[in-house]
Amino acid sequence: MKRILLIAVLLFVAANGEASTKLKESWKNPNYSGQPIKTILALGMTKNLETRADFEVALANKMARPGITTIAGTDILLRPTAGPIDMVYLREQIAANKIDAVVVCRLIKVKNRTVDVPGQPYLLPYYGSFYGYYGAVYPIVYSPDYLIQEKTVQVETNVYSVTSPDGELIWTGTSDTFDPSSAHQVINGLVELVVKELEKLEILPKAGK
């Protein structure tokens, strides 16, 4: 019975598109000794304009806390196309908005994999008596094999201080989101993971402090 319940839960999760995001790599610059961050710009690098804007707003909102101003790139940078931003314009906007740090994310790759899930025997715990055991074991029924598609979305996130002329790397991390059913599942998981790691490394103060 426990095996049947476990299989049912797994099928339910797969059908409802549950995704998980895990941190694959994390590195903090041990030589960075800049001033505490006060104004942060959230940037996404993707050709999809709507996804980029949604990500930047979600990340900016999640990083916001007392004493820190967070700005979504979509709020100050005019990017009507999927092309790159003019570097002179970008520097001007960063200076005009007194931004001292940038959190920027980019999609590295999407991996797809087909997995063959073998059928499982459905065994009921009727082992207390001979007839119960024999009746349960003899007519074992196997569930049919089936195929599932697994998708992994890998994203790189960098945090830069922009007080120096060309910016200094503070932190870099790589994350994997497994089996997302939509771009928003990737965004939600990534934002939660990145902010949690920045709090852990004391790059960001914890919310409410």
Protein backbone atom coordinates (compact mmCIF):
# COMPACT_ATOMS: atom_id res chain seq x y z
CA MET A 1 0.00 0.00 0.00
CA LYS A 2 2.85 2.40 0.83
CA ARG A 3 4.37 1.72 -2.60
CA ILE A 4 1.06 2.52 -4.29
CA LEU A 5 0.71 5.76 -2.33
CA LEU A 6 4.28 6.78 -3.20
CA ILE A 7 3.69 6.18 -6.91
CA ALA A 8 0.44 8.14 -6.73
CA VAL A 9 2.22 11.09 -5.09
CA LEU A 10 4.97 11.07 -7.71
CA LEU A 11 2.45 11.02 -10.53
CA PHE A 12 0.49 13.84 -8.91
CA VAL A 13 3.62 15.99 -8.60
CA ALA A 14 4.59 15.33 -12.22
CA ALA A 15 1.11 16.11 -13.48
CA ASN A 16 0.98 19.39 -11.57
CA GLY A 17 4.33 20.60 -12.89
CA GLU A 18 6.14 20.98 -9.56
CA ALA A 19 9.66 22.29 -10.09
CA SER A 20 12.68 22.49 -7.82
CA THR A 21 15.66 24.84 -7.99
CA LYS A 22 19.03 23.86 -6.55
CA LEU A 23 22.29 25.75 -6.23
CA LYS A 24 25.00 24.00 -8.21
CA GLU A 25 27.94 26.37 -7.63
CA SER A 26 28.51 29.35 -5.32
CA TRP A 27 31.62 31.52 -5.01
CA LYS A 28 32.15 34.72 -3.06
CA ASN A 29 35.11 36.98 -3.82
CA PRO A 30 37.34 36.71 -0.71
CA ASN A 31 39.17 39.92 -1.69
CA TYR A 32 36.08 42.10 -1.88
CA SER A 33 35.96 44.68 0.89
CA GLY A 34 33.66 47.34 -0.51
CA GLN A 35 31.12 49.47 1.30
CA PRO A 36 27.71 48.01 2.27
CA ILE A 37 25.32 47.88 -0.67
CA LYS A 38 22.60 50.52 -0.65
CA THR A 39 21.12 50.57 -4.17
CA ILE A 40 20.84 47.41 -6.28
CA LEU A 41 19.87 47.02 -9.93
CA ALA A 42 18.22 43.72 -10.95
CA LEU A 43 19.01 42.71 -14.53
CA GLY A 44 17.95 39.74 -16.64
CA MET A 45 19.62 38.76 -19.90
CA THR A 46 17.13 37.05 -22.21
CA LYS A 47 15.61 37.71 -25.61
CA ASN A 48 12.09 37.30 -24.21
CA LEU A 49 11.11 40.84 -23.19
CA GLU A 50 8.16 39.82 -21.02
CA THR A 51 10.10 37.14 -19.14
CA ARG A 52 12.98 39.55 -18.60
CA ALA A 53 10.72 42.23 -17.15
CA ASP A 54 8.88 39.75 -14.90
CA PHE A 55 12.18 38.40 -13.58
CA GLU A 56 13.66 41.83 -12.88
CA VAL A 57 10.58 43.00 -10.99
CA ALA A 58 10.38 39.75 -8.97
CA LEU A 59 14.07 39.88 -8.03
CA ALA A 60 13.98 43.58 -7.14
CA ASN A 61 10.93 43.04 -4.92
CA LYS A 62 12.50 40.05 -3.16
CA MET A 63 15.76 41.90 -2.44
CA ALA A 64 14.04 45.02 -1.07
CA ARG A 65 14.47 45.65 2.65
CA PRO A 66 14.96 48.58 5.02
CA GLY A 67 18.05 50.60 4.13
CA ILE A 68 18.38 49.11 0.64
CA THR A 69 16.80 50.47 -2.54
CA THR A 70 16.20 47.91 -5.29
CA ILE A 71 15.47 48.83 -8.90
CA ALA A 72 14.21 46.57 -11.69
CA GLY A 73 16.04 47.09 -14.95
CA THR A 74 12.75 47.37 -16.78
CA ASP A 75 11.93 50.50 -14.73
CA ILE A 76 14.95 52.58 -15.79
CA LEU A 77 16.39 51.03 -18.95
CA LEU A 78 14.70 51.55 -22.29
CA ARG A 79 14.97 48.18 -24.06
CA PRO A 80 12.21 47.96 -26.65
CA THR A 81 13.99 45.14 -28.50
CA ALA A 82 15.83 41.98 -27.55
CA GLY A 83 19.16 43.50 -28.56
CA PRO A 84 21.99 44.49 -26.19
CA ILE A 85 21.97 47.75 -24.21
CA ASP A 86 24.27 50.57 -25.30
CA MET A 87 27.11 50.57 -22.77
CA VAL A 88 27.33 54.38 -22.56
CA TYR A 89 23.59 54.57 -21.85
CA LEU A 90 23.88 51.79 -19.25
CA ARG A 91 26.69 53.59 -17.40
CA GLU A 92 24.71 56.84 -17.48
CA GLN A 93 21.63 55.21 -15.97
CA ILE A 94 23.64 53.46 -13.27
CA ALA A 95 25.29 56.76 -12.32
CA ALA A 96 22.04 58.76 -12.49
CA ASN A 97 20.25 56.32 -10.17
CA LYS A 98 23.24 56.07 -7.79
CA ILE A 99 23.39 52.30 -8.17
CA ASP A 100 26.31 50.67 -6.38
CA ALA A 101 25.62 46.99 -7.15
CA VAL A 102 24.07 44.95 -9.96
CA VAL A 103 22.60 41.45 -9.77
CA VAL A 104 22.50 40.03 -13.29
CA CYS A 105 21.20 36.64 -14.44
CA ARG A 106 21.52 34.86 -17.75
CA LEU A 107 20.29 31.55 -19.10
CA ILE A 108 23.20 29.17 -19.72
CA LYS A 109 21.41 26.20 -21.21
CA VAL A 110 18.31 24.02 -21.21
CA LYS A 111 18.79 20.26 -21.04
CA ASN A 112 16.10 17.76 -22.01
CA ARG A 113 16.23 14.07 -21.17
CA THR A 114 13.82 11.18 -21.75
CA VAL A 115 13.63 8.67 -18.91
CA ASP A 116 12.12 5.19 -19.10
CA VAL A 117 10.24 4.46 -15.87
CA PRO A 118 9.76 0.67 -15.44
CA GLY A 119 6.53 -0.74 -14.12
CA GLN A 120 6.29 -1.41 -10.39
CA PRO A 121 4.69 -4.38 -8.62
CA TYR A 122 1.64 -3.52 -6.54
CA LEU A 123 2.03 -5.58 -3.38
CA LEU A 124 -0.46 -5.44 -0.53
CA PRO A 125 0.75 -6.22 3.03
CA TYR A 126 -1.32 -9.39 3.48
CA TYR A 127 1.56 -11.46 4.84
CA GLY A 128 0.11 -12.38 8.24
CA SER A 129 -1.50 -15.57 6.95
CA PHE A 130 -0.64 -18.12 4.30
CA TYR A 131 -3.79 -17.47 2.26
CA GLY A 132 -3.37 -13.72 2.46
CA TYR A 133 0.25 -13.98 1.38
CA TYR A 134 -0.40 -16.45 -1.42
CA GLY A 135 -3.38 -14.51 -2.70
CA ALA A 136 -1.40 -11.26 -2.79
CA VAL A 137 1.86 -12.55 -4.25
CA TYR A 138 0.66 -15.02 -6.83
CA PRO A 139 -1.30 -12.63 -9.06
CA ILE A 140 1.27 -9.82 -9.01
CA VAL A 141 0.18 -7.13 -11.42
CA TYR A 142 2.80 -4.84 -12.91
CA SER A 143 2.03 -1.30 -13.93
CA PRO A 144 2.96 -0.52 -17.53
CA ASP A 145 6.25 1.15 -18.38
CA TYR A 146 6.07 4.81 -19.37
CA LEU A 147 8.34 7.60 -20.54
CA ILE A 148 8.78 10.98 -18.87
CA GLN A 149 10.50 14.09 -20.19
CA GLU A 150 12.91 15.76 -17.78
CA LYS A 151 13.96 19.36 -18.34
CA THR A 152 16.74 21.22 -16.54
CA VAL A 153 17.13 24.99 -16.88
CA GLN A 154 20.57 26.26 -15.88
CA VAL A 155 21.08 29.92 -14.95
CA GLU A 156 24.17 31.90 -14.01
CA THR A 157 23.83 34.77 -11.51
CA ASN A 158 26.52 37.37 -10.82
CA VAL A 159 26.63 40.19 -8.29
CA TYR A 160 28.88 43.14 -9.15
CA SER A 161 29.92 46.25 -7.29
CA VAL A 162 29.87 49.13 -9.77
CA THR A 163 31.71 51.67 -7.65
CA SER A 164 34.98 50.88 -9.42
CA PRO A 165 35.38 51.96 -13.07
CA ASP A 166 34.37 48.62 -14.62
CA GLY A 167 32.73 46.83 -11.72
CA GLU A 168 34.07 44.15 -9.38
CA LEU A 169 32.63 40.66 -9.00
CA ILE A 170 31.29 40.04 -5.49
CA TRP A 171 29.55 36.70 -5.96
CA THR A 172 28.75 34.21 -8.72
CA GLY A 173 26.48 31.20 -8.65
CA THR A 174 24.98 28.61 -10.98
CA SER A 175 21.57 27.07 -10.39
CA ASP A 176 19.53 24.25 -11.93
CA THR A 177 15.75 24.28 -12.08
CA PHE A 178 14.34 20.81 -12.65
CA ASP A 179 11.16 20.14 -14.63
CA PRO A 180 9.66 23.64 -14.75
CA SER A 181 6.34 23.85 -16.58
CA SER A 182 6.68 27.59 -17.26
CA ALA A 183 9.15 30.47 -17.27
CA HIS A 184 7.53 31.79 -14.09
CA GLN A 185 8.39 28.61 -12.22
CA VAL A 186 12.03 29.19 -13.15
CA ILE A 187 11.77 32.84 -12.08
CA ASN A 188 10.15 32.08 -8.73
CA GLY A 189 12.59 29.34 -7.82
CA LEU A 190 15.63 31.30 -8.97
CA VAL A 191 14.66 34.46 -7.09
CA GLU A 192 14.07 32.55 -3.85
CA LEU A 193 17.35 30.67 -4.17
CA VAL A 194 19.54 33.65 -5.09
CA VAL A 195 18.24 35.92 -2.35
CA LYS A 196 18.57 33.16 0.26
CA GLU A 197 22.21 32.60 -0.75
CA LEU A 198 23.01 36.32 -0.69
CA GLU A 199 21.56 36.52 2.82
CA LYS A 200 23.56 33.47 3.90
CA LEU A 201 26.80 35.04 2.63
CA GLU A 202 25.85 38.38 4.26
CA ILE A 203 25.91 40.21 0.94
CA LEU A 204 22.31 41.13 1.70
CA PRO A 205 20.97 41.59 5.24
CA LYS A 206 18.17 39.24 6.12
CA ALA A 207 14.68 40.57 5.52
CA GLY A 208 13.21 42.28 8.56
CA LYS A 209 16.58 43.31 9.98
